[in-house]
Every structure is written in C-alpha cells, then in structure tokens.
Amino acid sequence: MVNRMQFYIDGAWVDPVVKKSTPVVNPATEEAMYEVALGSKADVDKAVAAAKRAFETFSQTTREERVALLEKIIEAYKARMKDIGASVSDEMGAPLPMAERLQAGAGLGHLTATLDVLKSYPFDEKHNQAVITKEPIGVVGMITPWNWPLNQIACKVAPAIAAGCTMILKPSEFTPTSALIFAEVLHEAGVPKGVFNLVNGLGPEVGVAMSEHPDIDMVSFTGSTRAGIDVAKRAANTVKRVSQELGGKSPNVILEGADYVKAVTGGVAHMFNNSGQSCNAPSRMIVPQGAMKEIAAIAKAQADKTKAGDPRADGTVIGPVVNRGQWDKIQGLIQKGIDEGATLVAGGPGLPEGVNKGFYVRPTIFADVTENMTIAREEIFGPVLVIMGAKDESDALRIANDTPYGLAGYVSADTIESARKFGRRIRAGNVNLQGAPNDRTAPFGGYKQSGNGREWGKAGLEDFLEIKAIAGYDAA
C-alpha cells in the first residue's frame, strides 16, 4: 500500500513538517482518487541535510559497489512494473498497455543502460603528466514532470547513483504514486539512507526551495521553458550547475521523393502517442507545398484511426490529457488555429464523439498552416499536428529552424544520404532519420530554449560528474 501522505527522507518514511495535501484527479473521470502530501522548505531542508551527510560516504563507494546496487534496483523495479504502469495510467491517462510497456519500460531501460555504462566508464584517464579524474558533483536536486514520469525519474536517478551522488527528488504533484513506488523500489534494493530522498510538493514551494538551497550542488530539471528559466535564475545566486530539458516545437520534415504514406502515417502516430504530451513530439510536419492535399489526406486517414477513450478499455489508442488546465489550453489553441485560418483536416474543439466527461482531446490535424500562426509557434502539448508547406528544401530547412526551441527534429527523404545531409543542418539536440526511434544509449537534450546538458547513456552519467586535473600524479 503506497503511503501518499509521507515523504521518503534519510531511509525512512516520515510525516511532513506541516500537514498539507492536494487531491490527485483521474483525468479519465475528472474525479479525485486520493490526497497526496505537499512539502515545504522545512521538508527540503531535512532532505538536503540527509543527502549531504550521506554524500560523505556514498561518494567514496567503488564502481563495483555501485554496479551491485544498480543490479539490485533493477531486480526490485522489475517486480513493480505492473504497479507503476497502473499508477501512471490512472494519474496521467496513458492507456494501460502503453503505460506498462512504454512508461514503466522506459524507467527500466534507463536503469539497465546506465548499468552498462557504469561497468566500463573511465573515471580516471592519464593525460601527459596529469591524471584527469571525474568525481560526483555532490547533492543533486531533481525536479521531474508528469508526462513521462518514470522515464524522467530513472534517467536522472540512475546516473546520479552511478556517479556517487546523493539526491532529493520532487516529482510532479499530478503523478506522485509512480515516484513513491520508485522510492519503495530503492528502499527494497538497499540504497543507503540519505542517498535518495523524495519530497512531494508544488514548484513555487518545494521547487523554489531546492533551486535556491545553498547545500544543493546541482539541479536537474525537466519541464516547461518558463519554469526552467525560473529555476536557473534562482540557482544562479549559489552558482550551482543547472541541467535542463525543456519544451519543444519539433519539425518533422518530409522531403520530396520520400515515401509519403510511410512518413506521414508514422509521423501522425508519433505525434499522437501519449496524447501528444511529449516534449520531443514531431508537432510541425513540413512538407512540399505541392503535396499538401495528398499529405493532408494521408494524415486524416491516420487520425481517423486514432481512438481517444478510456485508458482501461480495449482498443484505446490515446487517453485523456493530464488535467483541466491542459485541456483548456489545448482547446484554446485549437480554436485559435481555426480563427487564424488554418484548414481543419481532422478533429477540432470539444470532446471526442461518445465521450461526455474526462479531459479528452479529439486527435486534431491542421493543414495550410503558416509560420505566423499561433499553432505554428507555441508548444501545444496535446494531440494536435500542424502541417506546413515549403517551396523547396532550402525553405523547409529555414522553417524547421525558425523556432526558439531545438529539442528534436525528424527527416524523411528518398535516400538515407539525403536524410543525413538535411538532418545535420537542423539545429536540434536529437535528429531522427527515416522513422528511426531514439537510441537510449545516445545523448538526449536540446539546443536553444529547449535546454542544456544531456541525459541518457554515457552523456547522462557525465552530467553528474565534476572534472579534476591532478598534476604530478606519478611524481616520485
């Protein structure tokens, strides 16, 4: 039984300093399921003190000790995957099979990928007369979002443990249960007390306290660009490292000569995955202007197959979006697209047919979208795709890069050589060619206002390390 009214601090479940809670609402029913405790600066102080104490010893553990610890975490995690999937489905609306396979599975993937990196990572390297050694940065504050909760928790916690850091996690108040189960997993695996701490709470209280805390050496943040800017400003006074993975408005460029059916159907399906609630979603489909009608028809056919419905029902492709605030924002942007003259190809405002409650959004596609339209500029974070026409490849590249974001890019072309050439010119941290999925061992992160730092694989481990040069190491 998950205890949602306590925090995990210094290896034990403890009551908040001040009792305060908020309801967790099921987005499929709009009904409150239970309450979750909200923390304060005093709770953060307790967690940071525990992490600071634990760092003195955990930072000195050997690679072999941390390998053994990650192996135990992985085994304990595997036993709880169904519990994690069910909680994600209930709290953020992902269809249950998807929540168990992809949402919970992403957490397992990052744990195993980090273990593989740790086994052979060169923490010490000889450089002329010096040794370059890489050491844990210290106490890390982690602030994670609701849209891929275990993906973001695991891709921070696993490399932090591998590096020898200690940490305080503030998960989203919209999806607290999967994080609490994760804390139970770490406890069962024997993570030393104080190494991992969890404090639930709101950004303006717990998030702010973590960003400003003088004894936190680094903040790893995933969320909106607006919130990321606030974290960075507050962290600046203590000159702590800030690693951010923020918003996106990623281009999906389909060049002339590409297999339109394959590229468009794949692009639409990817955009609608997780109800469009992914920071790297391919939300701007940029296509040859002369093929706009053909491509819009292919996209509509795929949208019409995308069933929005009960996350626990058979045949559901996408569930609701996470809460009323997100639903209202998405509805406003859909209406804005209509008002500004985009061609509505599929979906539109309101609830899907046959649905009378829940935060469901109709899978929506706009064609003939121009660069000055709001839906072409703003991150919608819902199942809404915009299709934009380009005069030629040069124009497509200009449109692709004409955004303050730079998290991801997607390219489909007639040959892999053409896709490679175009993809290298997209200003983004991740580019996927010809429908290829992300590689979990490769770096993940953004350019421009999509953030800084990198997660996943070797780069993810290095984000939690400091570099020290020791000259004269071999001197007599």
Protein backbone atom coordinates (compact mmCIF):
# COMPACT_ATOMS: atom_id res chain seq x y z
CA MET A 1 0.00 0.00 0.00
CA VAL A 2 1.63 3.24 -1.16
CA ASN A 3 1.75 5.91 1.55
CA ARG A 4 0.94 9.18 -0.21
CA MET A 5 0.87 11.25 2.99
CA GLN A 6 4.56 10.80 3.86
CA PHE A 7 7.93 11.58 2.32
CA TYR A 8 10.98 9.36 1.99
CA ILE A 9 13.87 11.06 3.82
CA ASP A 10 17.08 9.56 5.21
CA GLY A 11 15.98 5.99 4.50
CA ALA A 12 12.60 6.22 6.25
CA TRP A 13 9.01 7.29 5.61
CA VAL A 14 8.35 10.48 7.55
CA ASP A 15 5.48 12.91 8.10
CA PRO A 16 5.64 16.39 6.56
CA VAL A 17 6.77 19.16 8.88
CA VAL A 18 3.47 20.93 8.16
CA LYS A 19 0.46 18.85 7.17
CA LYS A 20 -0.88 19.97 3.82
CA SER A 21 -2.22 18.00 0.86
CA THR A 22 -3.80 18.23 -2.57
CA PRO A 23 -6.18 15.88 -4.41
CA VAL A 24 -4.92 13.70 -7.26
CA VAL A 25 -7.55 13.67 -10.01
CA ASN A 26 -8.13 10.86 -12.50
CA PRO A 27 -8.17 12.66 -15.89
CA ALA A 28 -10.42 10.00 -17.41
CA THR A 29 -13.21 10.55 -14.88
CA GLU A 30 -12.44 14.05 -13.52
CA GLU A 31 -12.84 12.57 -10.03
CA ALA A 32 -10.41 12.88 -7.13
CA MET A 33 -8.86 9.49 -6.27
CA TYR A 34 -6.92 10.36 -3.12
CA GLU A 35 -4.83 13.07 -1.44
CA VAL A 36 -1.06 13.46 -1.62
CA ALA A 37 1.03 15.34 0.94
CA LEU A 38 2.66 18.62 -0.07
CA GLY A 39 6.03 19.59 1.30
CA SER A 40 7.60 22.86 2.35
CA LYS A 41 11.05 24.43 2.64
CA ALA A 42 11.41 22.73 6.03
CA ASP A 43 10.97 19.30 4.42
CA VAL A 44 13.52 20.20 1.75
CA ASP A 45 15.97 21.27 4.45
CA LYS A 46 15.62 17.88 6.18
CA ALA A 47 16.12 16.01 2.91
CA VAL A 48 19.14 18.09 1.91
CA ALA A 49 20.77 17.59 5.31
CA ALA A 50 20.33 13.82 4.94
CA ALA A 51 21.74 13.85 1.41
CA LYS A 52 24.70 15.98 2.49
CA ARG A 53 25.56 13.55 5.29
CA ALA A 54 25.20 10.56 3.01
CA PHE A 55 27.43 12.09 0.33
CA GLU A 56 30.46 11.87 2.61
CA THR A 57 30.39 8.07 2.42
CA PHE A 58 28.45 7.29 -0.76
CA SER A 59 30.79 9.42 -2.87
CA GLN A 60 33.63 7.13 -1.77
CA THR A 61 31.99 3.86 -2.82
CA THR A 62 33.67 1.80 -5.51
CA ARG A 63 32.43 1.21 -9.02
CA GLU A 64 31.81 -2.43 -8.06
CA GLU A 65 29.62 -1.41 -5.12
CA ARG A 66 27.52 0.90 -7.28
CA VAL A 67 27.22 -1.76 -10.02
CA ALA A 68 25.91 -4.22 -7.43
CA LEU A 69 23.46 -1.60 -6.13
CA LEU A 70 22.06 -0.84 -9.59
CA GLU A 71 21.65 -4.56 -10.26
CA LYS A 72 19.56 -4.88 -7.08
CA ILE A 73 17.49 -1.81 -8.06
CA ILE A 74 16.79 -3.32 -11.48
CA GLU A 75 15.55 -6.58 -9.99
CA ALA A 76 13.31 -4.78 -7.49
CA TYR A 77 12.00 -2.49 -10.25
CA LYS A 78 11.04 -5.40 -12.50
CA ALA A 79 8.80 -6.77 -9.75
CA ARG A 80 6.86 -3.49 -9.56
CA MET A 81 6.37 -2.67 -13.24
CA LYS A 82 2.68 -3.52 -13.31
CA ASP A 83 2.09 -1.36 -10.22
CA ILE A 84 3.98 1.50 -11.84
CA GLY A 85 2.07 1.15 -15.12
CA ALA A 86 -1.29 1.12 -13.35
CA SER A 87 -0.45 4.25 -11.38
CA VAL A 88 0.73 6.14 -14.47
CA SER A 89 -2.42 5.12 -16.34
CA ASP A 90 -4.69 6.30 -13.52
CA GLU A 91 -2.90 9.56 -12.83
CA MET A 92 -1.94 10.91 -16.27
CA GLY A 93 -4.29 8.96 -18.52
CA ALA A 94 -1.99 6.76 -20.60
CA PRO A 95 -3.69 3.61 -21.97
CA LEU A 96 -2.84 0.77 -19.59
CA PRO A 97 -0.88 -1.42 -22.06
CA MET A 98 1.15 1.61 -23.14
CA ALA A 99 1.74 2.65 -19.52
CA GLU A 100 3.04 -0.81 -18.59
CA ARG A 101 5.14 -1.33 -21.71
CA LEU A 102 6.44 2.15 -22.56
CA GLN A 103 6.03 4.32 -19.48
CA ALA A 104 7.24 1.76 -16.92
CA GLY A 105 9.50 0.20 -19.53
CA ALA A 106 11.33 3.48 -20.09
CA GLY A 107 12.39 3.53 -16.46
CA LEU A 108 13.76 0.02 -16.69
CA GLY A 109 15.55 0.91 -19.92
CA HIS A 110 17.43 3.79 -18.33
CA LEU A 111 18.40 1.72 -15.31
CA THR A 112 19.87 -1.04 -17.48
CA ALA A 113 21.54 1.38 -19.91
CA THR A 114 23.19 3.24 -17.03
CA LEU A 115 24.41 -0.03 -15.52
CA ASP A 116 26.09 -0.92 -18.81
CA VAL A 117 27.82 2.49 -18.93
CA LEU A 118 28.98 2.29 -15.32
CA LYS A 119 30.67 -1.09 -15.78
CA SER A 120 33.32 0.33 -18.11
CA TYR A 121 33.26 4.12 -17.68
CA PRO A 122 36.80 5.61 -17.41
CA PHE A 123 36.65 7.70 -14.22
CA ASP A 124 40.45 8.21 -14.35
CA GLU A 125 42.44 8.95 -17.50
CA LYS A 126 46.14 9.70 -17.93
CA HIS A 127 46.91 12.98 -19.73
CA ASN A 128 50.64 13.69 -20.19
CA GLN A 129 51.91 14.30 -16.63
CA ALA A 130 48.43 14.62 -15.14
CA VAL A 131 45.57 12.35 -14.25
CA ILE A 132 42.11 13.55 -15.19
CA THR A 133 39.63 12.18 -12.67
CA LYS A 134 35.85 12.52 -12.69
CA GLU A 135 34.09 12.74 -9.35
CA PRO A 136 30.44 13.02 -8.23
CA ILE A 137 29.22 16.61 -8.25
CA GLY A 138 27.54 16.32 -4.84
CA VAL A 139 23.94 16.74 -3.69
CA VAL A 140 21.52 16.91 -6.62
CA GLY A 141 18.01 18.36 -6.64
CA MET A 142 15.77 16.67 -9.23
CA ILE A 143 12.50 18.15 -10.48
CA THR A 144 10.56 15.88 -12.83
CA PRO A 145 7.35 16.21 -14.90
CA TRP A 146 4.11 14.25 -15.20
CA ASN A 147 4.12 13.31 -18.89
CA TRP A 148 6.78 10.53 -18.81
CA PRO A 149 7.24 10.25 -15.05
CA LEU A 150 9.41 7.12 -14.79
CA ASN A 151 11.41 7.97 -17.89
CA GLN A 152 12.47 11.26 -16.34
CA ILE A 153 12.97 9.94 -12.81
CA ALA A 154 15.10 6.97 -13.88
CA CYS A 155 17.24 8.90 -16.37
CA LYS A 156 18.24 11.23 -13.52
CA VAL A 157 18.40 8.90 -10.50
CA ALA A 158 20.26 6.03 -12.21
CA PRO A 159 23.25 8.07 -13.44
CA ALA A 160 23.36 10.08 -10.19
CA ILE A 161 23.72 6.82 -8.25
CA ALA A 162 26.25 5.55 -10.78
CA ALA A 163 28.29 8.73 -10.30
CA GLY A 164 28.19 8.52 -6.50
CA CYS A 165 25.88 11.50 -5.94
CA THR A 166 23.10 11.83 -3.40
CA MET A 167 19.76 13.37 -4.27
CA ILE A 168 16.37 14.86 -3.49
CA LEU A 169 13.54 14.19 -5.94
CA LYS A 170 10.46 16.36 -6.35
CA PRO A 171 8.13 14.53 -8.74
CA SER A 172 5.05 16.13 -10.26
CA GLU A 173 2.08 16.51 -7.94
CA PHE A 174 -0.11 15.19 -10.78
CA THR A 175 1.67 11.81 -10.91
CA PRO A 176 3.01 11.15 -7.41
CA THR A 177 2.27 7.43 -6.99
CA SER A 178 4.76 6.03 -9.51
CA ALA A 179 7.51 8.08 -7.84
CA LEU A 180 6.52 6.77 -4.40
CA ILE A 181 6.65 3.21 -5.76
CA PHE A 182 10.09 4.02 -7.16
CA ALA A 183 11.17 5.11 -3.67
CA GLU A 184 9.91 1.77 -2.33
CA VAL A 185 11.97 0.01 -5.01
CA LEU A 186 15.14 1.81 -3.97
CA HIS A 187 14.48 1.10 -0.30
CA GLU A 188 13.95 -2.59 -1.01
CA ALA A 189 17.15 -2.70 -3.06
CA GLY A 190 19.12 -1.43 -0.08
CA VAL A 191 20.08 2.06 -1.24
CA PRO A 192 21.93 3.56 1.77
CA LYS A 193 19.93 6.01 3.84
CA GLY A 194 20.16 9.59 2.69
CA VAL A 195 21.33 8.74 -0.82
CA PHE A 196 17.82 9.05 -2.29
CA ASN A 197 15.18 11.32 -0.76
CA LEU A 198 11.70 12.19 -2.03
CA VAL A 199 9.63 15.25 -1.14
CA ASN A 200 6.33 15.81 -2.91
CA GLY A 201 5.16 19.37 -3.38
CA LEU A 202 4.48 22.31 -5.64
CA GLY A 203 7.01 24.14 -7.77
CA PRO A 204 6.58 27.55 -6.09
CA GLU A 205 7.33 25.98 -2.70
CA VAL A 206 9.43 22.80 -2.93
CA GLY A 207 10.88 23.55 -6.38
CA VAL A 208 11.91 27.05 -5.34
CA ALA A 209 13.45 25.80 -2.07
CA MET A 210 15.52 23.26 -3.99
CA SER A 211 16.65 25.75 -6.64
CA GLU A 212 17.81 28.25 -4.03
CA HIS A 213 19.26 25.83 -1.48
CA PRO A 214 22.96 26.55 -0.76
CA ASP A 215 23.71 22.89 0.00
CA ILE A 216 22.36 21.56 -3.30
CA ASP A 217 25.22 21.44 -5.81
CA MET A 218 23.17 20.79 -8.94
CA VAL A 219 19.58 20.97 -10.12
CA SER A 220 18.42 18.60 -12.86
CA PHE A 221 15.12 19.93 -14.18
CA THR A 222 12.67 18.68 -16.79
CA GLY A 223 9.60 20.76 -17.58
CA SER A 224 8.44 23.89 -19.35
CA THR A 225 10.83 26.52 -20.63
CA ARG A 226 9.10 29.12 -18.46
CA ALA A 227 9.69 27.11 -15.29
CA GLY A 228 13.23 26.23 -16.37
CA ILE A 229 14.12 29.91 -16.67
CA ASP A 230 12.86 30.48 -13.12
CA VAL A 231 14.93 27.55 -11.79
CA ALA A 232 18.07 28.87 -13.50
CA LYS A 233 17.61 32.39 -12.12
CA ARG A 234 17.11 31.13 -8.57
CA ALA A 235 20.05 28.74 -8.84
CA ALA A 236 22.38 31.49 -10.07
CA ASN A 237 22.88 33.02 -6.63
CA THR A 238 24.62 29.85 -5.43
CA VAL A 239 26.36 29.19 -8.77
CA LYS A 240 25.09 25.63 -8.84
CA ARG A 241 25.03 23.60 -12.02
CA VAL A 242 21.65 23.55 -13.74
CA SER A 243 20.85 20.88 -16.31
CA GLN A 244 17.57 21.42 -18.14
CA GLU A 245 15.39 19.52 -20.57
CA LEU A 246 12.63 21.91 -21.58
CA GLY A 247 9.97 22.48 -24.23
CA GLY A 248 9.93 21.82 -27.93
CA LYS A 249 8.21 22.52 -31.23
CA SER A 250 10.00 19.90 -33.25
CA PRO A 251 9.97 19.83 -37.06
CA ASN A 252 9.14 16.67 -38.97
CA VAL A 253 10.47 17.37 -42.46
CA ILE A 254 9.19 15.16 -45.27
CA LEU A 255 11.21 15.87 -48.41
CA GLU A 256 10.07 15.40 -51.98
CA GLY A 257 10.60 11.80 -53.09
CA ALA A 258 10.09 10.31 -49.64
CA ASP A 259 7.54 7.53 -49.12
CA TYR A 260 4.66 9.82 -48.15
CA VAL A 261 2.39 7.10 -46.82
CA LYS A 262 5.06 5.67 -44.54
CA ALA A 263 6.44 9.02 -43.39
CA VAL A 264 3.08 10.70 -42.80
CA THR A 265 1.34 7.81 -41.05
CA GLY A 266 4.40 7.26 -38.86
CA GLY A 267 4.66 10.96 -38.10
CA VAL A 268 0.99 11.28 -37.15
CA ALA A 269 1.13 8.18 -34.94
CA HIS A 270 4.24 9.51 -33.21
CA MET A 271 2.64 12.92 -32.70
CA PHE A 272 -0.47 11.41 -31.09
CA ASN A 273 1.47 8.97 -28.89
CA ASN A 274 0.97 9.76 -25.18
CA SER A 275 -1.84 12.12 -26.25
CA GLY A 276 0.76 14.45 -27.75
CA GLN A 277 2.26 15.06 -24.32
CA SER A 278 5.93 14.63 -25.21
CA CYS A 279 8.47 17.45 -25.33
CA ASN A 280 10.09 15.95 -28.45
CA ALA A 281 6.81 15.30 -30.30
CA PRO A 282 7.05 15.89 -34.08
CA SER A 283 4.44 18.64 -33.90
CA ARG A 284 5.30 20.59 -37.09
CA MET A 285 5.09 18.47 -40.25
CA ILE A 286 6.89 20.38 -43.01
CA VAL A 287 6.08 19.07 -46.49
CA PRO A 288 6.45 20.05 -50.15
CA GLN A 289 3.83 22.71 -50.85
CA GLY A 290 2.63 20.90 -53.97
CA ALA A 291 1.91 17.73 -51.98
CA MET A 292 -0.12 19.46 -49.24
CA LYS A 293 -3.50 17.99 -50.23
CA GLU A 294 -2.14 14.47 -50.74
CA ILE A 295 -0.33 14.51 -47.41
CA ALA A 296 -3.28 16.03 -45.55
CA ALA A 297 -5.48 13.16 -46.82
CA ILE A 298 -2.98 10.56 -45.58
CA ALA A 299 -2.76 12.32 -42.22
CA LYS A 300 -6.54 12.46 -41.89
CA ALA A 301 -6.83 8.72 -42.52
CA GLN A 302 -4.38 8.04 -39.68
CA ALA A 303 -6.14 10.49 -37.35
CA ASP A 304 -9.47 8.82 -38.02
CA LYS A 305 -7.95 5.51 -36.79
CA THR A 306 -6.74 7.09 -33.56
CA LYS A 307 -9.32 6.31 -30.90
CA ALA A 308 -9.35 8.57 -27.87
CA GLY A 309 -11.02 6.87 -24.94
CA ASP A 310 -10.91 5.15 -21.57
CA PRO A 311 -7.31 4.17 -20.70
CA ARG A 312 -8.55 0.82 -19.38
CA ALA A 313 -10.74 -0.02 -22.42
CA ASP A 314 -9.69 -2.32 -25.25
CA GLY A 315 -8.78 -0.54 -28.47
CA THR A 316 -7.95 2.82 -26.90
CA VAL A 317 -5.03 4.45 -28.71
CA ILE A 318 -4.77 7.64 -26.65
CA GLY A 319 -6.26 8.56 -23.31
CA PRO A 320 -7.09 11.98 -21.88
CA VAL A 321 -4.62 14.79 -21.30
CA VAL A 322 -3.46 15.17 -17.73
CA ASN A 323 -5.74 17.85 -16.25
CA ARG A 324 -8.33 20.55 -16.79
CA GLY A 325 -5.73 23.29 -17.19
CA GLN A 326 -4.01 21.46 -20.04
CA TRP A 327 -7.35 20.64 -21.67
CA ASP A 328 -8.44 24.28 -21.58
CA LYS A 329 -5.13 25.44 -23.03
CA ILE A 330 -5.29 22.91 -25.88
CA GLN A 331 -8.90 23.78 -26.68
CA GLY A 332 -7.99 27.46 -26.84
CA LEU A 333 -5.15 26.78 -29.27
CA ILE A 334 -7.33 24.58 -31.49
CA GLN A 335 -9.86 27.40 -31.70
CA LYS A 336 -7.02 29.84 -32.39
CA GLY A 337 -5.93 27.71 -35.33
CA ILE A 338 -9.43 27.85 -36.78
CA ASP A 339 -9.73 31.59 -36.17
CA GLU A 340 -6.37 32.32 -37.81
CA GLY A 341 -7.36 30.48 -40.99
CA ALA A 342 -5.67 27.08 -40.86
CA THR A 343 -7.51 24.24 -42.62
CA LEU A 344 -9.01 21.84 -40.09
CA VAL A 345 -8.39 18.37 -41.53
CA ALA A 346 -9.40 16.18 -38.58
CA GLY A 347 -10.66 16.61 -35.03
CA GLY A 348 -11.34 20.08 -33.69
CA PRO A 349 -12.70 21.59 -30.49
CA GLY A 350 -14.62 19.72 -27.83
CA LEU A 351 -14.75 16.14 -26.59
CA PRO A 352 -14.49 13.13 -28.91
CA GLU A 353 -17.72 11.58 -30.15
CA GLY A 354 -19.43 9.46 -27.50
CA VAL A 355 -17.44 10.97 -24.62
CA ASN A 356 -19.19 13.17 -22.05
CA LYS A 357 -16.56 13.53 -19.32
CA GLY A 358 -12.83 13.37 -18.86
CA PHE A 359 -10.08 15.57 -20.27
CA TYR A 360 -10.15 14.01 -23.73
CA VAL A 361 -8.99 15.88 -26.82
CA ARG A 362 -10.05 14.97 -30.34
CA PRO A 363 -6.98 13.91 -32.40
CA THR A 364 -6.62 17.09 -34.45
CA ILE A 365 -4.77 17.96 -37.65
CA PHE A 366 -4.43 21.36 -39.32
CA ALA A 367 -3.14 21.84 -42.86
CA ASP A 368 -2.08 25.00 -44.72
CA VAL A 369 -0.52 26.33 -41.54
CA THR A 370 1.69 29.39 -41.99
CA GLU A 371 4.65 30.45 -39.90
CA ASN A 372 2.92 33.42 -38.30
CA MET A 373 0.04 31.35 -36.89
CA THR A 374 -0.04 30.76 -33.14
CA ILE A 375 -0.33 26.99 -33.57
CA ALA A 376 2.92 27.03 -35.59
CA ARG A 377 4.81 28.89 -32.86
CA GLU A 378 3.55 27.70 -29.47
CA GLU A 379 4.05 24.30 -27.87
CA ILE A 380 0.52 22.85 -27.68
CA PHE A 381 1.40 19.69 -25.71
CA GLY A 382 -1.63 17.77 -26.88
CA PRO A 383 -2.70 15.59 -29.84
CA VAL A 384 -2.61 18.45 -32.35
CA LEU A 385 -0.48 18.31 -35.50
CA VAL A 386 0.18 21.24 -37.83
CA ILE A 387 1.17 20.70 -41.47
CA MET A 388 3.20 23.45 -43.12
CA GLY A 389 4.16 23.80 -46.78
CA ALA A 390 7.67 24.57 -48.04
CA LYS A 391 8.64 25.80 -51.51
CA ASP A 392 11.82 23.71 -51.66
CA GLU A 393 14.42 22.04 -49.41
CA SER A 394 16.05 25.35 -48.53
CA ASP A 395 12.71 26.75 -47.44
CA ALA A 396 11.94 23.59 -45.46
CA LEU A 397 15.23 23.96 -43.58
CA ARG A 398 14.53 27.62 -42.86
CA ILE A 399 11.07 26.78 -41.47
CA ALA A 400 12.45 23.86 -39.45
CA ASN A 401 15.00 26.09 -37.71
CA ASP A 402 12.69 29.10 -37.32
CA THR A 403 11.81 28.39 -33.69
CA PRO A 404 13.21 29.31 -30.28
CA TYR A 405 13.25 25.58 -29.49
CA GLY A 406 15.73 22.90 -30.54
CA LEU A 407 14.98 19.61 -28.82
CA ALA A 408 14.32 17.25 -31.74
CA GLY A 409 13.98 17.02 -35.49
CA TYR A 410 12.75 14.34 -37.87
CA VAL A 411 13.62 13.83 -41.55
CA SER A 412 12.22 11.53 -44.23
CA ALA A 413 13.78 11.55 -47.69
CA ASP A 414 14.12 9.39 -50.80
CA THR A 415 17.55 8.14 -49.67
CA ILE A 416 19.36 7.86 -46.36
CA GLU A 417 22.13 10.07 -47.78
CA SER A 418 19.66 12.89 -48.44
CA ALA A 419 18.17 12.48 -44.96
CA ARG A 420 21.63 12.59 -43.36
CA LYS A 421 22.62 15.72 -45.25
CA PHE A 422 19.44 17.54 -44.27
CA GLY A 423 19.42 16.25 -40.68
CA ARG A 424 22.90 17.62 -39.98
CA ARG A 425 21.60 21.13 -40.69
CA ILE A 426 18.69 21.00 -38.23
CA ARG A 427 19.53 22.96 -35.07
CA ALA A 428 18.38 20.42 -32.50
CA GLY A 429 19.91 18.06 -29.97
CA ASN A 430 18.26 14.94 -31.40
CA VAL A 431 17.51 14.19 -35.05
CA ASN A 432 15.75 11.01 -36.20
CA LEU A 433 16.11 9.88 -39.82
CA GLN A 434 13.69 7.79 -41.87
CA GLY A 435 11.44 6.96 -38.92
CA ALA A 436 14.20 5.63 -36.65
CA PRO A 437 13.42 5.69 -32.90
CA ASN A 438 15.67 7.26 -30.29
CA ASP A 439 18.66 5.27 -29.08
CA ARG A 440 18.52 5.18 -25.27
CA THR A 441 22.32 4.96 -25.06
CA ALA A 442 22.78 8.17 -27.09
CA PRO A 443 22.60 11.68 -25.55
CA PHE A 444 19.18 13.33 -25.18
CA GLY A 445 18.78 17.08 -24.77
CA GLY A 446 18.21 20.34 -26.59
CA TYR A 447 19.61 23.45 -28.21
CA LYS A 448 18.39 27.00 -27.61
CA GLN A 449 15.34 27.30 -25.32
CA SER A 450 14.91 23.53 -25.20
CA GLY A 451 17.59 23.39 -22.52
CA ASN A 452 21.19 22.49 -21.84
CA GLY A 453 23.03 19.47 -20.54
CA ARG A 454 22.40 15.94 -21.77
CA GLU A 455 20.69 12.86 -20.36
CA TRP A 456 20.78 9.13 -21.25
CA GLY A 457 23.76 6.81 -21.59
CA LYS A 458 27.35 7.98 -21.12
CA ALA A 459 26.44 11.67 -21.51
CA GLY A 460 23.83 11.30 -18.79
CA LEU A 461 26.42 9.96 -16.35
CA GLU A 462 28.84 12.75 -17.20
CA ASP A 463 26.22 15.39 -16.37
CA PHE A 464 26.60 14.39 -12.69
CA LEU A 465 30.41 14.45 -12.63
CA GLU A 466 32.98 17.12 -11.84
CA ILE A 467 36.35 17.08 -13.64
CA LYS A 468 39.55 17.31 -11.61
CA ALA A 469 43.08 17.51 -13.03
CA ILE A 470 45.82 16.16 -10.75
CA ALA A 471 49.27 17.20 -11.98
CA GLY A 472 52.39 15.31 -10.90
CA TYR A 473 50.33 12.26 -10.00
CA ASP A 474 53.13 9.87 -10.85
CA ALA A 475 55.97 12.03 -9.48
CA ALA A 476 58.46 10.28 -7.20
